[in-house]
C-alpha atoms as a PDB file:
ATOM      1  CA  MET A   1     224.974 156.155  -8.892  1.00  0.00           C
ATOM      2  CA  GLN A   2     224.192 158.749  -6.510  1.00  0.00           C
ATOM      3  CA  GLY A   3     225.753 159.081  -2.881  1.00  0.00           C
ATOM      4  CA  ASP A   4     222.277 158.261  -1.391  1.00  0.00           C
ATOM      5  CA  ASP A   5     221.605 155.269  -3.882  1.00  0.00           C
ATOM      6  CA  ILE A   6     224.389 153.384  -2.524  1.00  0.00           C
ATOM      7  CA  PRO A   7     222.736 150.192  -0.872  1.00  0.00           C
ATOM      8  CA  LEU A   8     223.862 149.273   2.670  1.00  0.00           C
ATOM      9  CA  ALA A   9     224.700 145.698   1.210  1.00  0.00           C
ATOM     10  CA  PRO A  10     227.867 144.753  -0.425  1.00  0.00           C
ATOM     11  CA  LEU A  11     227.724 146.076  -4.013  1.00  0.00           C
ATOM     12  CA  THR A  12     227.224 143.665  -6.943  1.00  0.00           C
ATOM     13  CA  GLU A  13     229.881 143.718 -10.019  1.00  0.00           C
ATOM     14  CA  GLU A  14     227.324 145.530 -12.104  1.00  0.00           C
ATOM     15  CA  GLU A  15     226.729 148.833  -9.196  1.00  0.00           C
ATOM     16  CA  LEU A  16     230.737 148.688  -8.592  1.00  0.00           C
ATOM     17  CA  GLU A  17     231.128 149.109 -12.014  1.00  0.00           C
ATOM     18  CA  LYS A  18     228.827 152.070 -11.960  1.00  0.00           C
ATOM     19  CA  ALA A  19     229.632 153.643  -8.701  1.00  0.00           C
ATOM     20  CA  LYS A  20     232.142 156.504  -8.844  1.00  0.00           C
ATOM     21  CA  PHE A  21     234.958 156.480  -6.343  1.00  0.00           C
ATOM     22  CA  ILE A  22     236.993 159.399  -5.123  1.00  0.00           C
ATOM     23  CA  PRO A  23     240.574 157.650  -4.623  1.00  0.00           C
ATOM     24  CA  ALA A  24     242.087 158.600  -1.526  1.00  0.00           C
ATOM     25  CA  PRO A  25     245.421 161.161  -2.033  1.00  0.00           C
ATOM     26  CA  THR A  26     248.446 158.814  -1.912  1.00  0.00           C
ATOM     27  CA  ALA A  27     250.465 161.736  -0.741  1.00  0.00           C
ATOM     28  CA  ALA A  28     249.749 164.960   1.349  1.00  0.00           C
ATOM     29  CA  ARG A  29     248.996 167.936  -1.242  1.00  0.00           C
ATOM     30  CA  LEU A  30     249.096 171.687  -1.464  1.00  0.00           C
ATOM     31  CA  THR A  31     246.325 173.457  -3.343  1.00  0.00           C
ATOM     32  CA  VAL A  32     246.345 177.378  -4.156  1.00  0.00           C
ATOM     33  CA  VAL A  33     243.651 178.860  -5.441  1.00  0.00           C
ATOM     34  CA  GLU A  34     243.799 182.765  -6.003  1.00  0.00           C
ATOM     35  CA  SER A  35     241.938 185.306  -7.555  1.00  0.00           C
ATOM     36  CA  VAL A  36     243.556 189.122  -7.944  1.00  0.00           C
ATOM     37  CA  TYR A  37     241.373 191.676  -9.397  1.00  0.00           C
ATOM     38  CA  HIS A  38     242.172 195.403 -10.604  1.00  0.00           C
ATOM     39  CA  GLN A  39     239.904 197.968 -10.848  1.00  0.00           C
ATOM     40  CA  LEU A  40     239.980 201.446 -12.299  1.00  0.00           C
ATOM     41  CA  SER A  41     238.294 204.204 -11.063  1.00  0.00           C
ATOM     42  CA  ASP A  42     235.567 204.403 -13.483  1.00  0.00           C
ATOM     43  CA  GLN A  43     235.476 200.607 -14.461  1.00  0.00           C
ATOM     44  CA  PRO A  44     234.535 197.194 -13.253  1.00  0.00           C
ATOM     45  CA  PRO A  45     236.821 195.081 -11.601  1.00  0.00           C
ATOM     46  CA  ALA A  46     239.191 193.095 -13.950  1.00  0.00           C
ATOM     47  CA  MET A  47     240.753 189.693 -13.231  1.00  0.00           C
ATOM     48  CA  LEU A  48     244.583 190.037 -13.346  1.00  0.00           C
ATOM     49  CA  TYR A  49     244.444 186.145 -13.909  1.00  0.00           C
ATOM     50  CA  ARG A  50     242.294 184.827 -16.802  1.00  0.00           C
ATOM     51  CA  GLY A  51     239.591 182.140 -16.494  1.00  0.00           C
ATOM     52  CA  ASP A  52     238.647 181.146 -13.233  1.00  0.00           C
ATOM     53  CA  GLY A  53     242.116 182.665 -11.389  1.00  0.00           C
ATOM     54  CA  HIS A  54     245.201 180.957 -10.786  1.00  0.00           C
ATOM     55  CA  GLN A  55     245.361 177.589  -9.129  1.00  0.00           C
ATOM     56  CA  PHE A  56     247.891 174.989  -9.251  1.00  0.00           C
ATOM     57  CA  SER A  57     248.367 171.380  -6.840  1.00  0.00           C
ATOM     58  CA  ARG A  58     251.193 169.356  -6.199  1.00  0.00           C
ATOM     59  CA  ASP A  59     252.164 166.473  -3.950  1.00  0.00           C
ATOM     60  CA  LEU A  60     254.160 167.319  -0.634  1.00  0.00           C
ATOM     61  CA  LYS A  61     257.201 164.853   0.582  1.00  0.00           C
ATOM     62  CA  SER A  62     255.676 165.102   4.171  1.00  0.00           C
ATOM     63  CA  ASP A  63     252.567 164.215   6.037  1.00  0.00           C
ATOM     64  CA  GLU A  64     253.456 166.737   8.874  1.00  0.00           C
ATOM     65  CA  ASP A  65     250.766 169.374  10.090  1.00  0.00           C
ATOM     66  CA  ALA A  66     251.404 172.722   9.093  1.00  0.00           C
ATOM     67  CA  TYR A  67     253.043 175.261  11.480  1.00  0.00           C
ATOM     68  CA  GLU A  68     250.612 178.055  12.361  1.00  0.00           C
ATOM     69  CA  ARG A  69     251.015 180.816  14.898  1.00  0.00           C
ATOM     70  CA  ARG A  70     249.721 184.152  15.542  1.00  0.00           C
ATOM     71  CA  CYS A  71     252.435 186.446  16.152  1.00  0.00           C
ATOM     72  CA  VAL A  72     253.413 190.325  17.544  1.00  0.00           C
ATOM     73  CA  ALA A  73     256.141 191.921  15.608  1.00  0.00           C
ATOM     74  CA  THR A  74     258.474 194.587  16.883  1.00  0.00           C
ATOM     75  CA  ALA A  75     260.429 197.435  15.632  1.00  0.00           C
ATOM     76  CA  GLU A  76     263.529 195.215  15.607  1.00  0.00           C
ATOM     77  CA  TRP A  77     264.396 192.696  12.918  1.00  0.00           C
ATOM     78  CA  THR A  78     263.488 189.210  14.163  1.00  0.00           C
ATOM     79  CA  PRO A  79     264.120 185.712  12.577  1.00  0.00           C
ATOM     80  CA  LEU A  80     260.618 184.308  11.608  1.00  0.00           C
ATOM     81  CA  GLU A  81     259.888 181.372  14.146  1.00  0.00           C
ATOM     82  CA  CYS A  82     259.269 178.191  11.770  1.00  0.00           C
ATOM     83  CA  GLY A  83     258.450 175.884  14.647  1.00  0.00           C
ATOM     84  CA  TRP A  84     259.999 172.478  13.714  1.00  0.00           C
ATOM     85  CA  VAL A  85     259.532 173.239   9.702  1.00  0.00           C
ATOM     86  CA  LYS A  86     262.968 172.873   8.173  1.00  0.00           C
ATOM     87  CA  ARG A  87     262.031 173.048   4.490  1.00  0.00           C
ATOM     88  CA  CYS A  88     258.949 174.163   3.430  1.00  0.00           C
ATOM     89  CA  SER A  89     256.629 174.080   0.214  1.00  0.00           C
ATOM     90  CA  HIS A  90     255.126 177.473   0.835  1.00  0.00           C
ATOM     91  CA  LEU A  91     255.005 180.167   3.858  1.00  0.00           C
ATOM     92  CA  LEU A  92     251.864 182.330   4.303  1.00  0.00           C
ATOM     93  CA  LEU A  93     251.968 185.619   6.303  1.00  0.00           C
ATOM     94  CA  ARG A  94     248.806 187.876   6.433  1.00  0.00           C
ATOM     95  CA  ASN A  95     249.089 191.284   8.433  1.00  0.00           C
ATOM     96  CA  ASP A  96     246.309 191.211  10.977  1.00  0.00           C
ATOM     97  CA  TYR A  97     246.629 194.874  11.817  1.00  0.00           C
ATOM     98  CA  SER A  98     243.149 197.064  11.870  1.00  0.00           C
ATOM     99  CA  SER A  99     241.819 199.530  13.850  1.00  0.00           C
ATOM    100  CA  PRO A 100     238.943 198.806  16.497  1.00  0.00           C
ATOM    101  CA  VAL A 101     236.995 201.760  15.321  1.00  0.00           C
ATOM    102  CA  ARG A 102     237.595 202.425  11.708  1.00  0.00           C
ATOM    103  CA  GLN A 103     239.426 201.257   8.773  1.00  0.00           C
ATOM    104  CA  PRO A 104     243.335 202.673   8.967  1.00  0.00           C
ATOM    105  CA  ASP A 105     243.734 205.536   7.140  1.00  0.00           C
ATOM    106  CA  GLU A 106     246.700 205.507   4.610  1.00  0.00           C
ATOM    107  CA  SER A 107     249.201 207.119   7.309  1.00  0.00           C
ATOM    108  CA  ASP A 108     247.806 204.478  10.054  1.00  0.00           C
ATOM    109  CA  ALA A 109     248.673 201.938   7.428  1.00  0.00           C
ATOM    110  CA  ASP A 110     251.845 202.818   6.740  1.00  0.00           C
ATOM    111  CA  GLU A 111     252.880 203.160  10.146  1.00  0.00           C
ATOM    112  CA  HIS A 112     251.383 199.295  10.664  1.00  0.00           C
ATOM    113  CA  THR A 113     253.156 198.015   7.376  1.00  0.00           C
ATOM    114  CA  LEU A 114     255.312 194.766   8.210  1.00  0.00           C
ATOM    115  CA  GLU A 115     258.683 194.369   6.441  1.00  0.00           C
ATOM    116  CA  ILE A 116     260.011 191.384   5.554  1.00  0.00           C
ATOM    117  CA  MET A 117     263.614 190.762   4.019  1.00  0.00           C
ATOM    118  CA  PHE A 118     266.097 187.776   3.534  1.00  0.00           C
ATOM    119  CA  VAL A 119     269.486 187.717   5.824  1.00  0.00           C
ATOM    120  CA  GLY A 120     271.924 189.351   3.779  1.00  0.00           C
ATOM    121  CA  GLY A 121     272.564 192.923   5.384  1.00  0.00           C
ATOM    122  CA  ASP A 122     271.004 196.156   5.195  1.00  0.00           C
ATOM    123  CA  SER A 123     271.022 196.272   1.400  1.00  0.00           C
ATOM    124  CA  SER A 124     268.752 193.267   1.024  1.00  0.00           C
ATOM    125  CA  PRO A 125     265.498 193.918  -0.604  1.00  0.00           C
ATOM    126  CA  LYS A 126     262.596 194.349   1.631  1.00  0.00           C
ATOM    127  CA  MET A 127     258.765 192.946   1.054  1.00  0.00           C
ATOM    128  CA  LEU A 128     256.078 195.189   2.491  1.00  0.00           C
ATOM    129  CA  LEU A 129     252.769 193.763   3.872  1.00  0.00           C
ATOM    130  CA  ALA A 130     250.268 196.168   4.732  1.00  0.00           C
ATOM    131  CA  PRO A 131     247.484 195.912   7.038  1.00  0.00           C
ATOM    132  CA  GLY A 132     245.065 193.310   6.024  1.00  0.00           C
ATOM    133  CA  GLU A 133     247.221 192.228   3.141  1.00  0.00           C
ATOM    134  CA  SER A 134     248.533 188.541   2.819  1.00  0.00           C
ATOM    135  CA  MET A 135     251.137 187.200   0.923  1.00  0.00           C
ATOM    136  CA  ARG A 136     252.713 183.353   0.204  1.00  0.00           C
ATOM    137  CA  ILE A 137     256.305 182.796  -1.242  1.00  0.00           C
ATOM    138  CA  HIS A 138     258.243 179.825  -1.522  1.00  0.00           C
ATOM    139  CA  PRO A 139     261.608 180.490   0.362  1.00  0.00           C
ATOM    140  CA  ALA A 140     264.661 178.306  -0.155  1.00  0.00           C
ATOM    141  CA  ASP A 141     265.378 178.668   3.464  1.00  0.00           C
ATOM    142  CA  PRO A 142     262.742 179.795   5.606  1.00  0.00           C
ATOM    143  CA  LYS A 143     265.015 180.251   8.656  1.00  0.00           C
ATOM    144  CA  SER A 144     266.576 183.230   6.460  1.00  0.00           C
ATOM    145  CA  LEU A 145     263.548 185.451   6.573  1.00  0.00           C
ATOM    146  CA  MET A 146     263.173 188.560   9.154  1.00  0.00           C
ATOM    147  CA  ILE A 147     260.500 190.524   9.848  1.00  0.00           C
ATOM    148  CA  ARG A 148     259.808 193.545  11.577  1.00  0.00           C
ATOM    149  CA  GLY A 149     257.124 196.070  12.029  1.00  0.00           C
ATOM    150  CA  ARG A 150     257.463 199.740  11.523  1.00  0.00           C
ATOM    151  CA  VAL A 151     255.893 200.191  14.895  1.00  0.00           C
ATOM    152  CA  SER A 152     256.133 197.438  17.657  1.00  0.00           C
ATOM    153  CA  GLY A 153     252.976 195.615  18.198  1.00  0.00           C
ATOM    154  CA  VAL A 154     251.851 194.625  14.671  1.00  0.00           C
ATOM    155  CA  ARG A 155     249.919 191.563  14.801  1.00  0.00           C
ATOM    156  CA  TYR A 156     250.418 189.162  11.961  1.00  0.00           C
ATOM    157  CA  THR A 157     249.823 185.377  11.240  1.00  0.00           C
ATOM    158  CA  LEU A 158     252.458 182.969   9.838  1.00  0.00           C
ATOM    159  CA  CYS A 159     251.660 179.546   8.214  1.00  0.00           C
ATOM    160  CA  VAL A 160     254.549 177.470   7.091  1.00  0.00           C
ATOM    161  CA  VAL A 161     253.383 174.372   5.015  1.00  0.00           C
ATOM    162  CA  PRO A 162     256.065 171.653   5.301  1.00  0.00           C
ATOM    163  CA  GLU A 163     257.754 170.467   1.910  1.00  0.00           C
END
């Protein structure tokens, strides 16, 4: 039965059997669908994940809204502000820097790269987030993350999905 074939009157037993119902989710869900391609200089792009890309979905424990915020990084290490979210299922970061006149060249992009680290001292491994790039991680403790720009004033977007 197509959606526009559903009569306005109550459905008969036979119509109910033919109708396909999409059940409402019983819990909040997180769904991720991503595709990553790699292209050599003389070849067409190749998907690094085979098939339709990488995807997964899982139920969340909470029905809370995601915390989303546009931020500006300074050159000093600053804890990520995760709002009301204590534990998260995913944390997404996007470096929003772009030149208003042109695409950033290599030195400009390097200068406006964000650095992210877990609290633990100067020897902690750092993650880099170049202009226009995004990343998603599932930190055990989102409040243990710190961020800085190689220069002050790099805009980024933070989205924290509750567990």
